[in-house]
C-alpha cells in the first residue's frame, strides 16, 4: 500500500475515518524550522469550514506532535502529527452494499474484505486533516522564503469567482478567509448553490484555482518528473479530485499559437511573460512567473436520494438511500488541503535543487 509521497521532503499518511487516530509523518524536513501551532490550528479550522455548508460531523482536530520536534522547532528527524477522531458514528455504515462512486467496492476488490469500511476507512476525506496539519508546517517555512500559496473557489455550479489578478494581495486576503473567494459578491452565490443542493438532498461539485508565487525559474525536471507532474500527482491524491489543468489548461486546445504563446519581456533585469497561458511552467520547469492551476472536484457521492447499487457480498442488485453526515460540497473545505499538498511539493522540489537544509 503506497501511502508516502515525495523524494527529498516526504509525507506518509495513515489512519481511518472512524479509527482512534489519523496522522501524517514528514521525513526529510530540515532541522530548525519554527513550528507555529497557532498557524496549524488556523489551517485546520479553515478545513473544517462553515457549519451551514459543511458536514455535521464535529471534530475539534486537537493535534499532537509526537516526534521530530523539540523546544518549538523541528529536529530534522521524522515529524509525526496525530489527530484523534472523537465524533465517530460507525453504526451509520453497513458492509457489502456499495455506495455509488465511493471506494467501497474497489477497496473490497483490493483488500479482500479486510479493509476498514466505516466512513470510507483509509479512503476518507477525513484523513486530509492530517495533511493540512503537516502541510501548515511546510507552508509556514516556505513563507519565510518568500514563497506563498493560495487557493480559492473559482466555480461551484453556476456561481463563479474572479480569477487571480493581484497575486500578492489576493493570496494575502485568502489567508484571512474561512470561505475562500476573491470577490465578496461571489461568496453568497456559491453558498446559495451549496445550500440549494443540500436542501434538495443532493450535492454539487466545483473548481478550485491555486496560485504559487516566489518560485524561481529553473525548478522541476523534464519528462517524467515535471513540475506539473509532481503537483498533479499530489493533487490527484486528494479525494474527489477528478481533473487538474495548468494555466489556460484545456482551453489551449481551442487556441492558435498566436493566442496561446506567452510573449516575453525584460522587466527590472529579469525575464517575465506578458501573459501566463502556460501557468508558470514550460518544459516541466518553472519560468519564474506565478504557477497557476485549477482542480476539479466531483460532487460528494453521498446524497440523500434513492440510488441503484449492488451488494458485492451477496452478488445481488440493491437500492439504497444514504444516511449519515456528509458535505453537500467539498470545494469550500478543500482549499487548505490543496494548499498543504502544493506546499509539500514545492518544498520537495526546492530541496532537491538547493539541498534539504534550504527550507530552514
Protein backbone atom coordinates (compact mmCIF):
# COMPACT_ATOMS: atom_id res chain seq x y z
CA UNK A 1 0.00 0.00 0.00
CA UNK A 2 1.65 3.22 -1.18
CA UNK A 3 0.99 5.99 1.31
CA UNK A 4 4.20 8.02 1.02
CA UNK A 5 4.73 10.90 -1.39
CA UNK A 6 7.90 12.84 -2.16
CA UNK A 7 11.58 12.36 -2.91
CA UNK A 8 13.52 14.61 -0.53
CA UNK A 9 10.74 16.02 1.66
CA UNK A 10 8.30 13.13 2.05
CA UNK A 11 4.89 12.78 3.67
CA UNK A 12 3.37 9.49 4.85
CA UNK A 13 -0.35 9.35 5.62
CA UNK A 14 -2.05 6.85 7.93
CA UNK A 15 -5.31 6.18 9.77
CA UNK A 16 -9.00 5.60 9.08
CA UNK A 17 -12.10 7.77 9.24
CA UNK A 18 -13.53 6.05 12.33
CA UNK A 19 -10.33 4.71 13.86
CA UNK A 20 -8.73 6.11 17.01
CA UNK A 21 -6.37 8.47 15.20
CA UNK A 22 -5.40 9.81 11.83
CA UNK A 23 -1.92 11.13 11.24
CA UNK A 24 0.95 12.03 8.96
CA UNK A 25 4.73 11.89 9.13
CA UNK A 26 7.08 14.37 7.45
CA UNK A 27 10.52 12.97 6.66
CA UNK A 28 13.42 14.92 5.20
CA UNK A 29 12.24 18.17 6.76
CA UNK A 30 15.13 20.46 7.66
CA UNK A 31 16.09 20.97 11.31
CA UNK A 32 15.48 24.32 12.96
CA UNK A 33 12.14 25.21 11.35
CA UNK A 34 9.82 27.00 13.77
CA UNK A 35 6.58 25.16 14.49
CA UNK A 36 3.74 27.65 14.72
CA UNK A 37 0.98 25.66 16.42
CA UNK A 38 -1.47 28.57 16.14
CA UNK A 39 -0.97 28.54 12.36
CA UNK A 40 -1.58 24.79 12.26
CA UNK A 41 -4.79 25.23 14.26
CA UNK A 42 -5.94 28.04 11.98
CA UNK A 43 -5.32 25.90 8.89
CA UNK A 44 -7.30 23.02 10.40
CA UNK A 45 -10.15 25.39 11.29
CA UNK A 46 -10.35 26.51 7.66
CA UNK A 47 -10.54 22.89 6.54
CA UNK A 48 -13.46 22.28 8.92
CA UNK A 49 -15.35 25.00 7.08
CA UNK A 50 -18.58 26.80 7.90
CA UNK A 51 -21.36 24.78 9.51
CA UNK A 52 -24.08 25.92 7.09
CA UNK A 53 -22.31 24.42 4.05
CA UNK A 54 -20.38 21.52 5.61
CA UNK A 55 -20.89 18.16 7.26
CA UNK A 56 -22.45 17.99 10.71
CA UNK A 57 -19.58 15.79 11.89
CA UNK A 58 -17.89 17.89 14.55
CA UNK A 59 -14.19 17.23 15.04
CA UNK A 60 -12.06 19.61 17.09
CA UNK A 61 -8.82 18.43 15.39
CA UNK A 62 -6.75 18.75 18.56
CA UNK A 63 -3.45 17.65 17.06
CA UNK A 64 -0.48 16.16 18.89
CA UNK A 65 3.12 16.38 17.62
CA UNK A 66 4.67 13.14 18.88
CA UNK A 67 8.09 13.17 17.21
CA UNK A 68 10.53 15.31 15.26
CA UNK A 69 10.12 18.48 17.33
CA UNK A 70 11.83 19.90 20.39
CA UNK A 71 11.53 23.29 22.04
CA UNK A 72 9.25 24.61 19.29
CA UNK A 73 11.45 23.69 16.32
CA UNK A 74 11.92 20.75 14.01
CA UNK A 75 14.78 18.41 14.85
CA UNK A 76 15.26 17.13 11.30
CA UNK A 77 14.12 13.60 12.21
CA UNK A 78 10.69 12.27 11.13
CA UNK A 79 7.98 14.61 12.40
CA UNK A 80 4.68 12.89 13.21
CA UNK A 81 1.34 14.55 13.90
CA UNK A 82 -1.59 12.62 15.38
CA UNK A 83 -5.20 13.84 15.36
CA UNK A 84 -7.77 11.93 17.44
CA UNK A 85 -11.13 11.01 15.92
CA UNK A 86 -13.70 11.99 18.51
CA UNK A 87 -17.08 12.36 16.74
CA UNK A 88 -17.34 8.87 15.23
CA UNK A 89 -20.55 7.01 14.37
CA UNK A 90 -19.52 3.66 12.88
CA UNK A 91 -23.10 2.43 13.15
CA UNK A 92 -24.05 4.70 10.23
CA UNK A 93 -22.31 2.27 7.84
CA UNK A 94 -23.19 -1.24 6.70
CA UNK A 95 -20.84 -3.61 4.90
CA UNK A 96 -21.40 -5.06 1.46
CA UNK A 97 -23.80 -2.59 -0.13
CA UNK A 98 -21.61 -0.33 -2.22
CA UNK A 99 -22.22 3.40 -2.08
CA UNK A 100 -22.14 4.62 -5.71
CA UNK A 101 -18.93 6.48 -6.66
CA UNK A 102 -17.33 5.68 -3.30
CA UNK A 103 -14.35 3.34 -2.84
CA UNK A 104 -16.42 0.64 -1.10
CA UNK A 105 -16.28 -1.86 -3.97
CA UNK A 106 -12.77 -1.00 -5.15
CA UNK A 107 -11.48 -1.19 -1.58
CA UNK A 108 -13.07 -4.62 -1.19
CA UNK A 109 -11.59 -5.72 -4.51
CA UNK A 110 -8.07 -4.71 -3.42
CA UNK A 111 -8.11 -5.72 0.27
CA UNK A 112 -10.37 -8.80 0.04
CA UNK A 113 -12.74 -7.79 2.82
CA UNK A 114 -10.12 -6.88 5.42
CA UNK A 115 -10.46 -3.13 4.84
CA UNK A 116 -11.97 -0.79 7.44
CA UNK A 117 -15.15 0.21 5.62
CA UNK A 118 -16.54 2.61 8.26
CA UNK A 119 -16.94 6.06 6.75
CA UNK A 120 -14.71 5.09 3.85
CA UNK A 121 -11.89 4.00 6.18
CA UNK A 122 -8.49 4.93 4.80
CA UNK A 123 -10.08 6.40 1.65
CA UNK A 124 -11.99 9.05 3.60
CA UNK A 125 -11.52 12.79 3.17
CA UNK A 126 -11.21 12.84 6.96
CA UNK A 127 -7.52 11.97 6.53
CA UNK A 128 -6.89 15.28 4.78
CA UNK A 129 -6.87 16.92 8.22
CA UNK A 130 -3.52 15.26 8.89
CA UNK A 131 -2.18 16.50 5.55
CA UNK A 132 -3.28 20.03 6.41
CA UNK A 133 -1.52 19.84 9.78
CA UNK A 134 1.88 18.81 8.45
CA UNK A 135 1.40 20.95 5.33
CA UNK A 136 0.94 24.01 7.54
CA UNK A 137 4.44 23.48 8.95
CA UNK A 138 5.90 23.34 5.45
CA UNK A 139 3.81 26.22 4.16
CA UNK A 140 4.91 28.45 7.04
CA UNK A 141 8.55 27.63 6.28
CA UNK A 142 8.01 28.49 2.60
CA UNK A 143 6.51 31.85 3.58
CA UNK A 144 9.77 32.64 5.37
CA UNK A 145 11.46 32.01 2.00
CA UNK A 146 9.01 34.39 0.28
CA UNK A 147 7.10 31.58 -1.44
CA UNK A 148 3.34 31.87 -0.98
CA UNK A 149 0.46 29.55 -1.87
CA UNK A 150 -3.22 30.46 -2.09
CA UNK A 151 -6.39 28.73 -3.30
CA UNK A 152 -9.92 30.00 -3.90
CA UNK A 153 -13.23 28.65 -5.19
CA UNK A 154 -13.29 29.52 -8.88
CA UNK A 155 -16.61 27.85 -9.67
CA UNK A 156 -19.37 25.98 -7.88
CA UNK A 157 -22.34 25.03 -10.02
CA UNK A 158 -23.45 28.21 -11.80
CA UNK A 159 -21.61 30.51 -9.36
CA UNK A 160 -18.22 31.96 -10.36
CA UNK A 161 -15.45 33.87 -8.60
CA UNK A 162 -12.93 36.05 -10.44
CA UNK A 163 -9.53 34.64 -11.33
CA UNK A 164 -6.28 35.56 -9.60
CA UNK A 165 -5.21 39.04 -10.66
CA UNK A 166 -3.24 40.90 -7.98
CA UNK A 167 -1.32 37.88 -6.71
CA UNK A 168 0.30 39.32 -3.59
CA UNK A 169 -2.91 40.99 -2.45
CA UNK A 170 -5.15 38.07 -3.39
CA UNK A 171 -3.08 35.44 -1.57
CA UNK A 172 -2.76 37.71 1.46
CA UNK A 173 -6.53 38.23 1.54
CA UNK A 174 -7.22 34.49 1.29
CA UNK A 175 -5.07 33.88 4.36
CA UNK A 176 -7.72 35.61 6.48
CA UNK A 177 -10.76 33.86 4.99
CA UNK A 178 -12.66 30.79 6.15
CA UNK A 179 -14.72 30.83 2.93
CA UNK A 180 -12.15 31.34 0.16
CA UNK A 181 -13.44 33.61 -2.60
CA UNK A 182 -11.70 36.66 -4.07
CA UNK A 183 -14.86 38.59 -4.98
CA UNK A 184 -17.02 39.12 -1.91
CA UNK A 185 -20.15 39.13 -4.02
CA UNK A 186 -19.34 35.59 -5.19
CA UNK A 187 -19.45 34.22 -1.65
CA UNK A 188 -23.24 34.42 -1.38
CA UNK A 189 -23.85 32.92 -4.81
CA UNK A 190 -21.52 29.99 -4.06
CA UNK A 191 -23.18 29.46 -0.69
CA UNK A 192 -26.60 29.57 -2.34
CA UNK A 193 -25.57 26.82 -4.80
CA UNK A 194 -24.37 24.59 -1.97
CA UNK A 195 -27.37 25.19 0.28
CA UNK A 196 -29.80 24.58 -2.58
CA UNK A 197 -28.10 21.25 -3.28
CA UNK A 198 -28.27 20.26 0.37
CA UNK A 199 -31.97 21.17 0.59
CA UNK A 200 -32.60 19.02 -2.50
CA UNK A 201 -30.87 16.07 -0.75
CA UNK A 202 -28.17 16.35 -3.38
CA UNK A 203 -24.57 17.58 -3.71
CA UNK A 204 -22.58 19.72 -6.10
CA UNK A 205 -19.06 19.85 -7.49
CA UNK A 206 -16.74 22.74 -8.19
CA UNK A 207 -13.36 24.01 -9.31
CA UNK A 208 -10.58 25.48 -7.16
CA UNK A 209 -7.85 27.75 -8.52
CA UNK A 210 -4.40 27.78 -6.91
CA UNK A 211 -1.52 30.24 -7.28
CA UNK A 212 2.07 29.88 -6.12
CA UNK A 213 4.33 32.93 -6.17
CA UNK A 214 8.03 33.26 -5.39
CA UNK A 215 9.27 30.05 -7.04
CA UNK A 216 12.35 30.98 -9.11
CA UNK A 217 12.91 29.89 -12.70
CA UNK A 218 14.61 26.54 -13.18
CA UNK A 219 12.71 24.31 -10.72
CA UNK A 220 11.50 20.93 -11.97
CA UNK A 221 12.74 18.12 -14.18
CA UNK A 222 11.96 17.35 -17.83
CA UNK A 223 9.87 14.39 -18.92
CA UNK A 224 8.92 12.13 -16.03
CA UNK A 225 9.39 14.42 -13.03
CA UNK A 226 7.97 17.64 -14.45
CA UNK A 227 6.79 20.28 -12.01
CA UNK A 228 3.26 19.91 -13.38
CA UNK A 229 3.50 16.16 -12.98
CA UNK A 230 4.62 16.40 -9.35
CA UNK A 231 1.89 18.88 -8.44
CA UNK A 232 -0.77 16.91 -10.32
CA UNK A 233 0.35 13.68 -8.64
CA UNK A 234 -0.09 15.26 -5.21
CA UNK A 235 -3.39 16.97 -6.02
CA UNK A 236 -4.90 13.81 -7.53
CA UNK A 237 -4.25 12.06 -4.22
CA UNK A 238 -6.92 14.29 -2.64
CA UNK A 239 -10.31 12.53 -2.54
CA UNK A 240 -12.86 13.83 -5.09
CA UNK A 241 -10.29 15.48 -7.41
CA UNK A 242 -11.03 14.37 -10.98
CA UNK A 243 -9.22 16.97 -13.06
CA UNK A 244 -6.15 19.22 -12.93
CA UNK A 245 -5.14 21.82 -15.52
CA UNK A 246 -2.32 24.38 -15.60
CA UNK A 247 -2.63 27.93 -16.87
CA UNK A 248 -5.24 28.09 -19.60
CA UNK A 249 -5.42 24.30 -19.46
CA UNK A 250 -7.89 22.61 -21.80
CA UNK A 251 -8.76 25.96 -23.36
CA UNK A 252 -5.36 25.83 -25.06
CA UNK A 253 -6.75 23.08 -27.24
CA UNK A 254 -9.06 25.61 -28.88
CA UNK A 255 -6.46 28.34 -29.45
CA UNK A 256 -3.98 29.25 -32.16
CA UNK A 257 -0.32 29.64 -31.25
CA UNK A 258 -0.62 33.39 -31.64
CA UNK A 259 -3.15 33.36 -28.81
CA UNK A 260 -1.56 30.71 -26.61
CA UNK A 261 2.09 31.80 -26.66
CA UNK A 262 3.29 33.86 -23.71
CA UNK A 263 5.22 36.85 -25.09
CA UNK A 264 8.40 37.62 -23.11
CA UNK A 265 10.00 40.87 -21.94
CA UNK A 266 12.83 42.00 -19.67
CA UNK A 267 11.39 43.72 -16.59
CA UNK A 268 13.74 45.07 -13.94
CA UNK A 269 16.55 42.83 -15.12
CA UNK A 270 14.52 39.60 -15.07
CA UNK A 271 12.57 37.67 -17.67
CA UNK A 272 8.79 37.95 -17.42
CA UNK A 273 5.94 36.89 -19.66
CA UNK A 274 3.20 39.29 -20.72
CA UNK A 275 0.54 36.61 -20.35
CA UNK A 276 0.63 33.37 -18.37
CA UNK A 277 -1.21 30.83 -20.50
CA UNK A 278 1.36 28.17 -19.55
CA UNK A 279 0.71 28.63 -15.84
CA UNK A 280 4.30 29.47 -14.93
CA UNK A 281 5.77 26.20 -16.23
CA UNK A 282 7.42 25.40 -19.57
CA UNK A 283 9.16 22.12 -20.41
CA UNK A 284 8.17 20.89 -16.98
CA UNK A 285 10.33 23.61 -15.38
CA UNK A 286 9.26 26.80 -13.61
CA UNK A 287 9.80 30.04 -15.55
CA UNK A 288 9.58 32.41 -12.58
CA UNK A 289 6.00 33.53 -13.24
CA UNK A 290 3.17 32.62 -10.85
CA UNK A 291 2.34 28.93 -11.01
CA UNK A 292 -1.39 28.66 -11.71
CA UNK A 293 -3.54 25.55 -11.79
CA UNK A 294 -7.18 24.54 -11.42
CA UNK A 295 -8.52 21.43 -9.68
CA UNK A 296 -11.93 19.95 -10.48
CA UNK A 297 -13.82 18.29 -7.61
CA UNK A 298 -16.67 15.90 -8.24
CA UNK A 299 -19.90 16.27 -6.25
CA UNK A 300 -19.89 14.50 -2.89
CA UNK A 301 -21.10 10.98 -3.77
CA UNK A 302 -23.09 10.60 -0.55
CA UNK A 303 -26.54 12.03 -1.32
CA UNK A 304 -29.96 11.62 0.22
CA UNK A 305 -31.66 10.37 -2.93
CA UNK A 306 -32.51 6.77 -3.88
CA UNK A 307 -29.69 5.15 -5.86
CA UNK A 308 -29.19 1.86 -7.68
CA UNK A 309 -26.24 -0.20 -6.50
CA UNK A 310 -25.16 -3.76 -5.70
CA UNK A 311 -24.40 -5.89 -2.67
CA UNK A 312 -20.97 -7.23 -3.63
CA UNK A 313 -21.03 -9.86 -0.86
CA UNK A 314 -24.32 -11.43 -1.91
CA UNK A 315 -23.83 -10.71 -5.62
CA UNK A 316 -27.24 -9.05 -5.93
CA UNK A 317 -28.62 -5.75 -7.19
CA UNK A 318 -29.74 -3.37 -4.47
CA UNK A 319 -31.23 0.05 -3.83
CA UNK A 320 -30.04 2.40 -1.14
CA UNK A 321 -30.67 5.76 0.50
CA UNK A 322 -27.51 7.06 2.16
CA UNK A 323 -27.88 8.45 5.67
CA UNK A 324 -25.23 9.90 7.93
CA UNK A 325 -23.24 13.13 7.94
CA UNK A 326 -21.94 14.35 4.62
CA UNK A 327 -20.82 17.54 2.89
CA UNK A 328 -23.16 18.96 0.24
CA UNK A 329 -19.95 20.20 -1.44
CA UNK A 330 -16.27 19.70 -0.67
CA UNK A 331 -14.83 22.70 -2.55
CA UNK A 332 -15.48 25.08 0.34
CA UNK A 333 -13.30 22.93 2.63
CA UNK A 334 -10.71 21.67 0.16
CA UNK A 335 -8.67 24.86 -0.35
CA UNK A 336 -6.43 24.27 2.72
CA UNK A 337 -5.84 20.69 1.53
CA UNK A 338 -4.72 21.88 -1.92
CA UNK A 339 -2.50 24.49 -0.25
CA UNK A 340 -0.93 21.86 2.01
CA UNK A 341 -0.17 19.37 -0.75
CA UNK A 342 1.14 22.11 -3.05
CA UNK A 343 3.44 23.40 -0.31
CA UNK A 344 4.83 19.91 0.27
CA UNK A 345 5.56 19.51 -3.45
CA UNK A 346 7.27 22.90 -3.68
CA UNK A 347 9.36 22.17 -0.59
CA UNK A 348 10.33 18.81 -2.04
CA UNK A 349 11.45 20.14 -5.44
CA UNK A 350 13.25 23.09 -3.88
CA UNK A 351 15.10 20.75 -1.51
CA UNK A 352 16.13 18.61 -4.48
CA UNK A 353 17.52 21.71 -6.17
CA UNK A 354 19.18 23.51 -3.24
CA UNK A 355 19.59 20.83 -0.54
CA UNK A 356 17.49 19.69 2.38
CA UNK A 357 18.66 22.47 4.73
CA UNK A 358 17.44 25.14 2.31
CA UNK A 359 13.97 25.24 3.87
CA UNK A 360 15.35 26.38 7.24
